[in-house]
Amino acid sequence: MAEAEYSTTTRLPVDAIWRFVEEMDNWAGFVTGYQRHEKQSDVDSTWTLKGDLGVMARTLTFQVHITEWSGPQRVAFELTGVNEPMKGGGSFTIESAAEAPAAETPATVEPRGFLMRWLEALWRRLLRAIGGRVERAEPARGGAAARLTFRLRLDPGGPMAPMVNAMIKPMMRPAAEDLANRILAHLEAPEGAKR
């Protein structure tokens, strides 16, 4: 199983972030590999992503089901692969920076060795090269109004699961960072703040 969690802060208020995140059409295009999505209902949709893992390029289709919709703090979802044996889930959590913990707790952070950190750095560079990866400067702790945390978990299945898991693991954190930073960069821009 591959997992990632990324938190970042902003001067924007919680409600401004929630108004954007609560409607997936607003941020869907910021997801790494995004091709398209189609809503079947308020809680069910189908997403198509193109995954390029070097020697293996695939177009993946997922059924996404919202399992929790607790505005303006949290959205949680489950993923089920349609054309590949894969399951997963994730969440967006938005909280006041004053109430957010100062740092990630050791229980939620998986230790990453040199090789994993190097592979993550490689994925960051690739994301920047192919998708215009967004870099943002976080406000100082006292200047932050809100904290956005994105969590993602993918569990490949089938006979290729161990190999696929090893290949996607290093790209999870850079992809989570990229999504959270793209959302906040969009909202922090003068035209995004009007949404």
Protein backbone atom coordinates (compact mmCIF):
# COMPACT_ATOMS: atom_id res chain seq x y z
CA MET A 1 0.00 0.00 0.00
CA ALA A 2 1.28 3.47 -0.90
CA GLU A 3 0.28 6.40 1.30
CA ALA A 4 1.03 10.10 1.46
CA GLU A 5 0.01 13.04 3.58
CA TYR A 6 0.85 16.67 3.00
CA SER A 7 -0.13 19.77 4.98
CA THR A 8 0.39 23.41 4.09
CA THR A 9 -0.80 26.71 5.50
CA THR A 10 -2.25 29.84 3.98
CA ARG A 11 -3.49 33.27 5.01
CA LEU A 12 -6.88 32.44 3.48
CA PRO A 13 -9.75 31.70 5.85
CA VAL A 14 -11.12 28.16 6.20
CA ASP A 15 -14.43 29.10 4.52
CA ALA A 16 -12.70 30.40 1.38
CA ILE A 17 -10.84 27.12 0.93
CA TRP A 18 -13.97 25.08 1.66
CA ARG A 19 -16.07 26.95 -0.93
CA PHE A 20 -13.51 25.93 -3.55
CA VAL A 21 -12.81 22.35 -2.40
CA GLU A 22 -16.45 21.39 -1.86
CA GLU A 23 -17.03 21.46 -5.62
CA MET A 24 -14.74 18.96 -7.36
CA ASP A 25 -15.15 20.69 -10.72
CA ASN A 26 -13.10 23.58 -9.29
CA TRP A 27 -9.95 21.58 -8.53
CA ALA A 28 -10.20 18.36 -10.56
CA GLY A 29 -7.86 19.65 -13.25
CA PHE A 30 -5.12 20.14 -10.64
CA VAL A 31 -4.82 16.38 -9.98
CA THR A 32 -1.63 14.87 -11.41
CA GLY A 33 -2.42 13.02 -14.65
CA TYR A 34 -5.99 14.38 -14.84
CA GLN A 35 -7.79 13.60 -18.11
CA ARG A 36 -11.48 13.99 -17.21
CA HIS A 37 -14.15 13.26 -14.63
CA GLU A 38 -17.88 12.70 -14.77
CA LYS A 39 -20.30 13.07 -11.88
CA GLN A 40 -23.05 10.49 -11.48
CA SER A 41 -24.43 12.08 -8.29
CA ASP A 42 -23.37 14.42 -5.47
CA VAL A 43 -21.25 11.60 -3.96
CA ASP A 44 -20.31 9.39 -6.93
CA SER A 45 -18.11 10.15 -9.91
CA THR A 46 -15.77 8.50 -12.41
CA TRP A 47 -12.26 9.88 -12.85
CA THR A 48 -9.79 9.16 -15.65
CA LEU A 49 -6.11 9.78 -14.96
CA LYS A 50 -3.07 9.09 -17.08
CA GLY A 51 -0.26 7.53 -15.09
CA ASP A 52 3.19 7.53 -16.57
CA LEU A 53 5.65 5.53 -14.49
CA GLY A 54 8.53 5.56 -16.91
CA VAL A 55 8.40 2.18 -18.62
CA MET A 56 4.72 1.75 -17.78
CA ALA A 57 2.15 4.27 -19.01
CA ARG A 58 -1.49 3.58 -18.22
CA THR A 59 -4.80 5.35 -18.38
CA LEU A 60 -6.57 4.59 -15.12
CA THR A 61 -10.27 4.93 -14.46
CA PHE A 62 -11.53 5.15 -10.87
CA GLN A 63 -14.96 5.14 -9.30
CA VAL A 64 -14.84 7.78 -6.57
CA HIS A 65 -17.34 7.68 -3.73
CA ILE A 66 -17.53 10.47 -1.14
CA THR A 67 -17.82 8.82 2.28
CA GLU A 68 -17.79 11.97 4.41
CA TRP A 69 -18.86 15.50 3.64
CA SER A 70 -18.41 17.56 6.81
CA GLY A 71 -18.13 21.16 5.70
CA PRO A 72 -16.23 23.29 6.17
CA GLN A 73 -13.67 20.92 7.68
CA ARG A 74 -13.42 17.60 5.86
CA VAL A 75 -14.16 15.58 2.73
CA ALA A 76 -13.22 11.89 2.62
CA PHE A 77 -13.50 9.53 -0.34
CA GLU A 78 -12.90 5.96 -1.49
CA LEU A 79 -11.41 4.94 -4.84
CA THR A 80 -12.06 1.74 -6.76
CA GLY A 81 -10.22 0.94 -9.97
CA VAL A 82 -12.48 0.26 -12.95
CA ASN A 83 -9.90 -0.94 -15.47
CA GLU A 84 -7.11 -1.90 -13.02
CA PRO A 85 -7.28 -3.82 -9.73
CA MET A 86 -6.72 -0.92 -7.34
CA LYS A 87 -8.44 0.45 -4.25
CA GLY A 88 -7.73 3.43 -2.09
CA GLY A 89 -9.04 6.53 -0.48
CA GLY A 90 -8.16 9.91 0.81
CA SER A 91 -9.32 13.13 2.37
CA PHE A 92 -9.06 16.89 2.44
CA THR A 93 -9.00 18.41 5.92
CA ILE A 94 -9.21 22.16 6.41
CA GLU A 95 -8.69 23.60 9.86
CA SER A 96 -7.89 26.88 11.51
CA ALA A 97 -4.10 27.28 11.71
CA ALA A 98 -4.49 28.26 15.37
CA GLU A 99 -6.10 24.86 16.09
CA ALA A 100 -3.80 22.81 13.83
CA PRO A 101 -0.89 20.91 15.37
CA ALA A 102 2.45 22.67 14.93
CA ALA A 103 4.00 19.72 13.07
CA GLU A 104 3.17 16.25 11.84
CA THR A 105 3.02 13.74 14.63
CA PRO A 106 5.50 10.83 14.46
CA ALA A 107 2.62 8.32 14.40
CA THR A 108 1.41 9.65 11.02
CA VAL A 109 4.78 10.08 9.34
CA GLU A 110 6.36 7.04 7.74
CA PRO A 111 10.16 7.22 7.92
CA ARG A 112 11.67 7.72 4.46
CA GLY A 113 15.21 6.65 3.72
CA PHE A 114 17.68 8.30 1.38
CA LEU A 115 16.50 6.39 -1.70
CA MET A 116 12.82 7.26 -1.11
CA ARG A 117 13.66 10.94 -0.55
CA TRP A 118 15.77 10.92 -3.75
CA LEU A 119 12.97 9.30 -5.78
CA GLU A 120 10.46 11.82 -4.37
CA ALA A 121 12.77 14.67 -5.41
CA LEU A 122 13.00 13.14 -8.88
CA TRP A 123 9.18 13.04 -9.13
CA ARG A 124 8.99 16.68 -7.98
CA ARG A 125 11.34 17.66 -10.81
CA LEU A 126 9.33 15.62 -13.33
CA LEU A 127 6.07 17.20 -12.16
CA ARG A 128 7.62 20.64 -12.51
CA ALA A 129 8.88 19.81 -16.02
CA ILE A 130 5.68 18.27 -17.39
CA GLY A 131 2.94 20.02 -15.48
CA GLY A 132 4.33 23.29 -14.26
CA ARG A 133 4.56 22.22 -10.62
CA VAL A 134 3.50 25.07 -8.34
CA GLU A 135 5.86 26.26 -5.63
CA ARG A 136 4.37 28.40 -2.86
CA ALA A 137 5.88 30.10 0.15
CA GLU A 138 3.93 29.24 3.27
CA PRO A 139 3.14 32.13 5.61
CA ALA A 140 4.88 32.26 8.96
CA ARG A 141 3.00 30.31 11.65
CA GLY A 142 1.56 33.52 13.14
CA GLY A 143 0.42 34.77 9.72
CA ALA A 144 -1.46 31.62 8.73
CA ALA A 145 -5.25 31.50 8.97
CA ALA A 146 -5.85 27.94 7.76
CA ARG A 147 -4.13 24.62 7.20
CA LEU A 148 -5.01 22.31 4.28
CA THR A 149 -4.08 18.64 4.60
CA PHE A 150 -4.45 16.16 1.76
CA ARG A 151 -4.15 12.42 2.40
CA LEU A 152 -4.08 9.72 -0.28
CA ARG A 153 -3.79 5.94 -0.09
CA LEU A 154 -3.57 3.51 -3.04
CA ASP A 155 -3.48 -0.25 -2.76
CA PRO A 156 -2.79 -2.01 -6.08
CA GLY A 157 -4.09 -5.54 -6.55
CA GLY A 158 -3.41 -8.43 -8.89
CA PRO A 159 -0.20 -10.27 -9.68
CA MET A 160 1.71 -7.05 -10.49
CA ALA A 161 0.74 -5.37 -7.17
CA PRO A 162 4.18 -5.48 -5.52
CA MET A 163 5.87 -3.94 -8.56
CA VAL A 164 3.16 -1.31 -9.09
CA ASN A 165 3.24 -0.43 -5.38
CA ALA A 166 7.02 0.04 -5.49
CA MET A 167 6.68 2.29 -8.54
CA ILE A 168 3.88 4.52 -7.24
CA LYS A 169 5.12 4.90 -3.67
CA PRO A 170 7.77 7.59 -4.46
CA MET A 171 5.32 9.67 -6.51
CA MET A 172 2.56 9.82 -3.87
CA ARG A 173 3.94 12.59 -1.66
CA PRO A 174 5.02 14.86 -4.57
CA ALA A 175 1.55 14.41 -6.13
CA ALA A 176 -0.15 15.25 -2.79
CA GLU A 177 2.08 18.33 -2.38
CA ASP A 178 1.35 19.41 -5.93
CA LEU A 179 -2.43 19.15 -5.55
CA ALA A 180 -2.59 21.03 -2.23
CA ASN A 181 -0.20 23.73 -3.46
CA ARG A 182 -2.05 24.17 -6.77
CA ILE A 183 -5.36 24.64 -4.94
CA LEU A 184 -3.93 27.24 -2.57
CA ALA A 185 -1.89 29.02 -5.27
CA HIS A 186 -5.06 29.34 -7.34
CA LEU A 187 -7.01 30.73 -4.40
CA GLU A 188 -4.20 33.06 -3.31
CA ALA A 189 -3.99 34.60 -6.78
CA PRO A 190 -6.08 37.79 -7.08
CA GLU A 191 -8.60 36.18 -9.49
CA GLY A 192 -8.88 32.97 -7.39
CA ALA A 193 -9.75 34.83 -4.22
CA LYS A 194 -12.98 36.05 -5.86
CA ARG A 195 -14.41 32.49 -6.07
